[in-house]
C-alpha atoms as a PDB file:
ATOM      1  CA  UNK A   1     -20.734  15.498   8.516  1.00  0.00           C
ATOM      2  CA  UNK A   2     -20.819  18.758  10.461  1.00  0.00           C
ATOM      3  CA  UNK A   3     -17.173  19.555   9.622  1.00  0.00           C
ATOM      4  CA  UNK A   4     -17.821  18.938   5.893  1.00  0.00           C
ATOM      5  CA  UNK A   5     -20.840  21.270   6.028  1.00  0.00           C
ATOM      6  CA  UNK A   6     -18.753  23.932   7.778  1.00  0.00           C
ATOM      7  CA  UNK A   7     -16.046  23.520   5.161  1.00  0.00           C
ATOM      8  CA  UNK A   8     -18.574  23.942   2.349  1.00  0.00           C
ATOM      9  CA  UNK A   9     -19.985  27.075   4.005  1.00  0.00           C
ATOM     10  CA  UNK A  10     -16.476  28.377   4.689  1.00  0.00           C
ATOM     11  CA  UNK A  11     -15.394  27.619   1.110  1.00  0.00           C
ATOM     12  CA  UNK A  12     -18.339  29.500  -0.305  1.00  0.00           C
ATOM     13  CA  UNK A  13     -17.064  32.574   1.560  1.00  0.00           C
ATOM     14  CA  UNK A  14     -13.470  32.091   0.366  1.00  0.00           C
ATOM     15  CA  UNK A  15     -12.111  33.260  -2.959  1.00  0.00           C
ATOM     16  CA  UNK A  16     -10.374  29.939  -3.608  1.00  0.00           C
ATOM     17  CA  UNK A  17     -11.973  26.523  -3.172  1.00  0.00           C
ATOM     18  CA  UNK A  18      -8.496  24.958  -2.935  1.00  0.00           C
ATOM     19  CA  UNK A  19      -8.293  26.155   0.689  1.00  0.00           C
ATOM     20  CA  UNK A  20     -10.859  23.502   1.680  1.00  0.00           C
ATOM     21  CA  UNK A  21      -9.661  20.596  -0.432  1.00  0.00           C
ATOM     22  CA  UNK A  22      -8.546  17.496   1.411  1.00  0.00           C
ATOM     23  CA  UNK A  23      -6.817  14.300   0.296  1.00  0.00           C
ATOM     24  CA  UNK A  24      -8.492  11.208   1.759  1.00  0.00           C
ATOM     25  CA  UNK A  25      -7.715   7.502   1.697  1.00  0.00           C
ATOM     26  CA  UNK A  26      -8.457   4.275   3.567  1.00  0.00           C
ATOM     27  CA  UNK A  27      -8.760   4.395   7.351  1.00  0.00           C
ATOM     28  CA  UNK A  28      -7.390   0.868   7.780  1.00  0.00           C
ATOM     29  CA  UNK A  29      -4.416  -1.034   6.384  1.00  0.00           C
ATOM     30  CA  UNK A  30      -4.838  -2.707   3.015  1.00  0.00           C
ATOM     31  CA  UNK A  31      -4.198  -6.460   3.068  1.00  0.00           C
ATOM     32  CA  UNK A  32      -3.401  -8.280  -0.176  1.00  0.00           C
ATOM     33  CA  UNK A  33      -1.748 -11.466  -1.397  1.00  0.00           C
ATOM     34  CA  UNK A  34       1.582 -11.520  -3.204  1.00  0.00           C
ATOM     35  CA  UNK A  35       1.164 -11.869  -6.970  1.00  0.00           C
ATOM     36  CA  UNK A  36      -2.177 -10.037  -7.076  1.00  0.00           C
ATOM     37  CA  UNK A  37      -2.840  -6.433  -8.109  1.00  0.00           C
ATOM     38  CA  UNK A  38      -3.731  -3.868  -5.453  1.00  0.00           C
ATOM     39  CA  UNK A  39      -5.352  -0.426  -5.672  1.00  0.00           C
ATOM     40  CA  UNK A  40      -4.091   2.119  -3.143  1.00  0.00           C
ATOM     41  CA  UNK A  41      -7.005   4.587  -2.758  1.00  0.00           C
ATOM     42  CA  UNK A  42      -6.341   8.342  -2.813  1.00  0.00           C
ATOM     43  CA  UNK A  43      -9.044  10.949  -3.516  1.00  0.00           C
ATOM     44  CA  UNK A  44      -9.507  14.723  -3.389  1.00  0.00           C
ATOM     45  CA  UNK A  45     -12.588  15.797  -1.399  1.00  0.00           C
ATOM     46  CA  UNK A  46     -14.809  17.480  -2.307  1.00  0.00           C
ATOM     47  CA  UNK A  47     -14.461  16.003  -5.798  1.00  0.00           C
ATOM     48  CA  UNK A  48     -12.061  18.234  -7.727  1.00  0.00           C
ATOM     49  CA  UNK A  49     -10.188  17.412 -10.896  1.00  0.00           C
ATOM     50  CA  UNK A  50      -6.573  16.292 -10.407  1.00  0.00           C
ATOM     51  CA  UNK A  51      -5.810  16.409 -14.156  1.00  0.00           C
ATOM     52  CA  UNK A  52      -3.811  19.655 -13.874  1.00  0.00           C
ATOM     53  CA  UNK A  53      -2.229  18.753 -10.529  1.00  0.00           C
ATOM     54  CA  UNK A  54       0.911  16.869  -9.561  1.00  0.00           C
ATOM     55  CA  UNK A  55       0.337  13.405  -8.096  1.00  0.00           C
ATOM     56  CA  UNK A  56       3.270  11.759  -6.343  1.00  0.00           C
ATOM     57  CA  UNK A  57       3.352   8.344  -4.724  1.00  0.00           C
ATOM     58  CA  UNK A  58       6.318   7.494  -2.441  1.00  0.00           C
ATOM     59  CA  UNK A  59       7.214   4.504  -0.318  1.00  0.00           C
ATOM     60  CA  UNK A  60       8.107   5.869   3.095  1.00  0.00           C
ATOM     61  CA  UNK A  61       9.928   2.774   4.358  1.00  0.00           C
ATOM     62  CA  UNK A  62      12.688   3.279   1.789  1.00  0.00           C
ATOM     63  CA  UNK A  63      13.515   6.941   2.339  1.00  0.00           C
ATOM     64  CA  UNK A  64      10.830   8.353   0.047  1.00  0.00           C
ATOM     65  CA  UNK A  65      11.441   6.047  -2.935  1.00  0.00           C
ATOM     66  CA  UNK A  66       9.490   7.298  -5.940  1.00  0.00           C
ATOM     67  CA  UNK A  67       6.737   4.793  -6.739  1.00  0.00           C
ATOM     68  CA  UNK A  68       4.828   6.882  -9.336  1.00  0.00           C
ATOM     69  CA  UNK A  69       4.972  10.500 -10.547  1.00  0.00           C
ATOM     70  CA  UNK A  70       2.319  12.331 -12.615  1.00  0.00           C
ATOM     71  CA  UNK A  71       2.793  15.955 -13.719  1.00  0.00           C
ATOM     72  CA  UNK A  72       1.802  18.142 -16.686  1.00  0.00           C
ATOM     73  CA  UNK A  73      -0.825  15.616 -17.835  1.00  0.00           C
ATOM     74  CA  UNK A  74       1.559  12.644 -18.068  1.00  0.00           C
ATOM     75  CA  UNK A  75       3.446  10.030 -16.098  1.00  0.00           C
ATOM     76  CA  UNK A  76       7.068  10.977 -15.563  1.00  0.00           C
ATOM     77  CA  UNK A  77       8.705   7.955 -14.012  1.00  0.00           C
ATOM     78  CA  UNK A  78      12.350   8.497 -14.960  1.00  0.00           C
ATOM     79  CA  UNK A  79      13.277   8.608 -11.247  1.00  0.00           C
ATOM     80  CA  UNK A  80      10.967   5.756 -10.277  1.00  0.00           C
ATOM     81  CA  UNK A  81      12.498   3.101  -8.000  1.00  0.00           C
ATOM     82  CA  UNK A  82      13.571   0.146 -10.131  1.00  0.00           C
ATOM     83  CA  UNK A  83      11.408  -2.343  -8.201  1.00  0.00           C
ATOM     84  CA  UNK A  84       8.242  -0.500  -9.344  1.00  0.00           C
ATOM     85  CA  UNK A  85       9.063  -0.165 -13.059  1.00  0.00           C
ATOM     86  CA  UNK A  86       6.172  -1.261 -15.299  1.00  0.00           C
ATOM     87  CA  UNK A  87       4.064  -2.174 -12.231  1.00  0.00           C
ATOM     88  CA  UNK A  88       2.294   1.116 -11.413  1.00  0.00           C
ATOM     89  CA  UNK A  89      -0.463   3.143 -13.034  1.00  0.00           C
ATOM     90  CA  UNK A  90      -3.026   5.813 -12.257  1.00  0.00           C
ATOM     91  CA  UNK A  91      -6.618   5.651 -13.456  1.00  0.00           C
ATOM     92  CA  UNK A  92      -6.305   8.557 -15.928  1.00  0.00           C
ATOM     93  CA  UNK A  93     -10.025   8.503 -16.744  1.00  0.00           C
ATOM     94  CA  UNK A  94     -10.720   9.064 -13.027  1.00  0.00           C
ATOM     95  CA  UNK A  95      -8.384  12.035 -12.499  1.00  0.00           C
ATOM     96  CA  UNK A  96     -11.163  14.529 -13.479  1.00  0.00           C
ATOM     97  CA  UNK A  97     -13.156  13.122 -10.521  1.00  0.00           C
ATOM     98  CA  UNK A  98     -10.300  13.668  -8.051  1.00  0.00           C
ATOM     99  CA  UNK A  99      -9.321   9.992  -8.010  1.00  0.00           C
ATOM    100  CA  UNK A 100      -5.522   9.683  -7.804  1.00  0.00           C
ATOM    101  CA  UNK A 101      -5.529   6.040  -6.679  1.00  0.00           C
ATOM    102  CA  UNK A 102      -2.521   3.952  -7.627  1.00  0.00           C
ATOM    103  CA  UNK A 103      -2.720   0.463  -9.122  1.00  0.00           C
ATOM    104  CA  UNK A 104       0.251  -1.661  -8.073  1.00  0.00           C
ATOM    105  CA  UNK A 105       0.512  -4.825 -10.177  1.00  0.00           C
ATOM    106  CA  UNK A 106       2.106  -8.189  -9.391  1.00  0.00           C
ATOM    107  CA  UNK A 107       2.419  -7.437  -5.680  1.00  0.00           C
ATOM    108  CA  UNK A 108       5.614  -8.557  -3.939  1.00  0.00           C
ATOM    109  CA  UNK A 109       6.296  -9.153  -0.249  1.00  0.00           C
ATOM    110  CA  UNK A 110       8.850  -6.308  -0.500  1.00  0.00           C
ATOM    111  CA  UNK A 111       5.955  -3.959  -1.403  1.00  0.00           C
ATOM    112  CA  UNK A 112       4.704  -4.170   2.173  1.00  0.00           C
ATOM    113  CA  UNK A 113       4.943  -0.869   4.034  1.00  0.00           C
ATOM    114  CA  UNK A 114       3.701   2.719   4.076  1.00  0.00           C
ATOM    115  CA  UNK A 115       2.979   4.751   0.955  1.00  0.00           C
ATOM    116  CA  UNK A 116       2.373   8.496   0.745  1.00  0.00           C
ATOM    117  CA  UNK A 117       0.005   9.985  -1.832  1.00  0.00           C
ATOM    118  CA  UNK A 118       0.859  13.672  -2.262  1.00  0.00           C
ATOM    119  CA  UNK A 119      -1.304  15.863  -4.494  1.00  0.00           C
ATOM    120  CA  UNK A 120      -0.151  19.396  -5.271  1.00  0.00           C
ATOM    121  CA  UNK A 121      -1.504  22.361  -7.160  1.00  0.00           C
ATOM    122  CA  UNK A 122       0.009  25.837  -7.544  1.00  0.00           C
ATOM    123  CA  UNK A 123      -1.532  27.097  -4.300  1.00  0.00           C
ATOM    124  CA  UNK A 124      -2.438  23.898  -2.421  1.00  0.00           C
ATOM    125  CA  UNK A 125      -1.113  20.497  -1.370  1.00  0.00           C
ATOM    126  CA  UNK A 126      -2.209  17.674   0.895  1.00  0.00           C
ATOM    127  CA  UNK A 127      -1.285  14.034   1.428  1.00  0.00           C
ATOM    128  CA  UNK A 128      -2.306  10.794   3.082  1.00  0.00           C
ATOM    129  CA  UNK A 129      -0.436   7.657   4.092  1.00  0.00           C
ATOM    130  CA  UNK A 130      -1.644   4.198   3.055  1.00  0.00           C
ATOM    131  CA  UNK A 131      -0.356   1.138   4.928  1.00  0.00           C
ATOM    132  CA  UNK A 132      -0.024  -2.049   2.860  1.00  0.00           C
ATOM    133  CA  UNK A 133       0.309  -5.583   4.252  1.00  0.00           C
ATOM    134  CA  UNK A 134       1.334  -8.270   1.764  1.00  0.00           C
ATOM    135  CA  UNK A 135       0.632 -11.873   2.638  1.00  0.00           C
ATOM    136  CA  UNK A 136       2.418 -14.731   0.927  1.00  0.00           C
ATOM    137  CA  UNK A 137       1.853 -18.446   1.107  1.00  0.00           C
ATOM    138  CA  UNK A 138       5.207 -20.145   1.329  1.00  0.00           C
ATOM    139  CA  UNK A 139       6.394 -23.591   0.404  1.00  0.00           C
ATOM    140  CA  UNK A 140       4.871 -26.737   1.887  1.00  0.00           C
ATOM    141  CA  UNK A 141       6.520 -27.714   5.163  1.00  0.00           C
ATOM    142  CA  UNK A 142       9.152 -30.447   4.986  1.00  0.00           C
ATOM    143  CA  UNK A 143       9.798 -32.440   8.171  1.00  0.00           C
ATOM    144  CA  UNK A 144      13.057 -34.338   8.485  1.00  0.00           C
ATOM    145  CA  UNK A 145      14.576 -36.386  11.264  1.00  0.00           C
ATOM    146  CA  UNK A 146      17.688 -34.578  12.466  1.00  0.00           C
ATOM    147  CA  UNK A 147      19.034 -36.833  15.237  1.00  0.00           C
ATOM    148  CA  UNK A 148      18.388 -39.041  18.268  1.00  0.00           C
ATOM    149  CA  UNK A 149      19.162 -38.028  21.830  1.00  0.00           C
ATOM    150  CA  UNK A 150      20.409 -40.176  24.734  1.00  0.00           C
ATOM    151  CA  UNK A 151      16.914 -40.632  26.150  1.00  0.00           C
ATOM    152  CA  UNK A 152      15.650 -42.249  22.946  1.00  0.00           C
ATOM    153  CA  UNK A 153      13.961 -39.076  21.719  1.00  0.00           C
ATOM    154  CA  UNK A 154      13.944 -38.009  18.100  1.00  0.00           C
ATOM    155  CA  UNK A 155      14.815 -34.478  16.992  1.00  0.00           C
ATOM    156  CA  UNK A 156      12.724 -33.301  14.067  1.00  0.00           C
ATOM    157  CA  UNK A 157      13.256 -30.273  11.844  1.00  0.00           C
ATOM    158  CA  UNK A 158      10.393 -28.508  10.078  1.00  0.00           C
ATOM    159  CA  UNK A 159      11.351 -26.210   7.182  1.00  0.00           C
ATOM    160  CA  UNK A 160       9.292 -23.963   4.951  1.00  0.00           C
ATOM    161  CA  UNK A 161      10.161 -20.715   3.159  1.00  0.00           C
ATOM    162  CA  UNK A 162       8.426 -17.658   1.749  1.00  0.00           C
ATOM    163  CA  UNK A 163       5.622 -17.107   4.276  1.00  0.00           C
ATOM    164  CA  UNK A 164       4.425 -13.642   5.219  1.00  0.00           C
ATOM    165  CA  UNK A 165       3.519 -13.383   7.999  1.00  0.00           C
ATOM    166  CA  UNK A 166       5.541 -16.311   9.315  1.00  0.00           C
ATOM    167  CA  UNK A 167       3.261 -19.123  10.519  1.00  0.00           C
ATOM    168  CA  UNK A 168       3.283 -20.446  14.047  1.00  0.00           C
ATOM    169  CA  UNK A 169       4.450 -24.057  14.447  1.00  0.00           C
ATOM    170  CA  UNK A 170       2.926 -26.278  17.115  1.00  0.00           C
ATOM    171  CA  UNK A 171       4.452 -29.676  17.830  1.00  0.00           C
ATOM    172  CA  UNK A 172       2.297 -32.296  19.560  1.00  0.00           C
ATOM    173  CA  UNK A 173       3.213 -35.701  20.929  1.00  0.00           C
ATOM    174  CA  UNK A 174       0.969 -38.702  20.451  1.00  0.00           C
ATOM    175  CA  UNK A 175      -0.470 -38.085  23.953  1.00  0.00           C
ATOM    176  CA  UNK A 176      -1.371 -34.456  23.207  1.00  0.00           C
ATOM    177  CA  UNK A 177      -4.246 -33.254  21.123  1.00  0.00           C
ATOM    178  CA  UNK A 178      -5.868 -29.986  20.193  1.00  0.00           C
END
């Protein structure tokens, strides 16, 4: 609170308010389920219109893959990574309020990772990193008998695919219990 007050006082003494603008986002990782939509928060503080600014979203895990690009009052996604085509959008009605949050639709496990929100103006730029965790419920486990061993034991195989994070498997004998 004190630093924001100092910034406001400092900004009132400055010629340009852009010197005190800051891009802010979530402090913790965002956790979502595959198939759902997810909003990656990104705001300018204090509230300042982003309508005339450049808003760039990148995925850091893939060498700065372009996720979404807004410039000159429109989306310009010609260089957007193929895996994000027709799945991203900004809240255009919120840009005047400094809200440059990204909506990522139909979340995929491959969307998990770190995203950078970079907002630039002619004389100012700032960014934040948003960490996304995508959970997925995989297929039902299938248990099959694989073989017998010489001691009369049975070897079982448990298979399931598509889980994120991978579940832990605990085998119990009839004498063991939880």
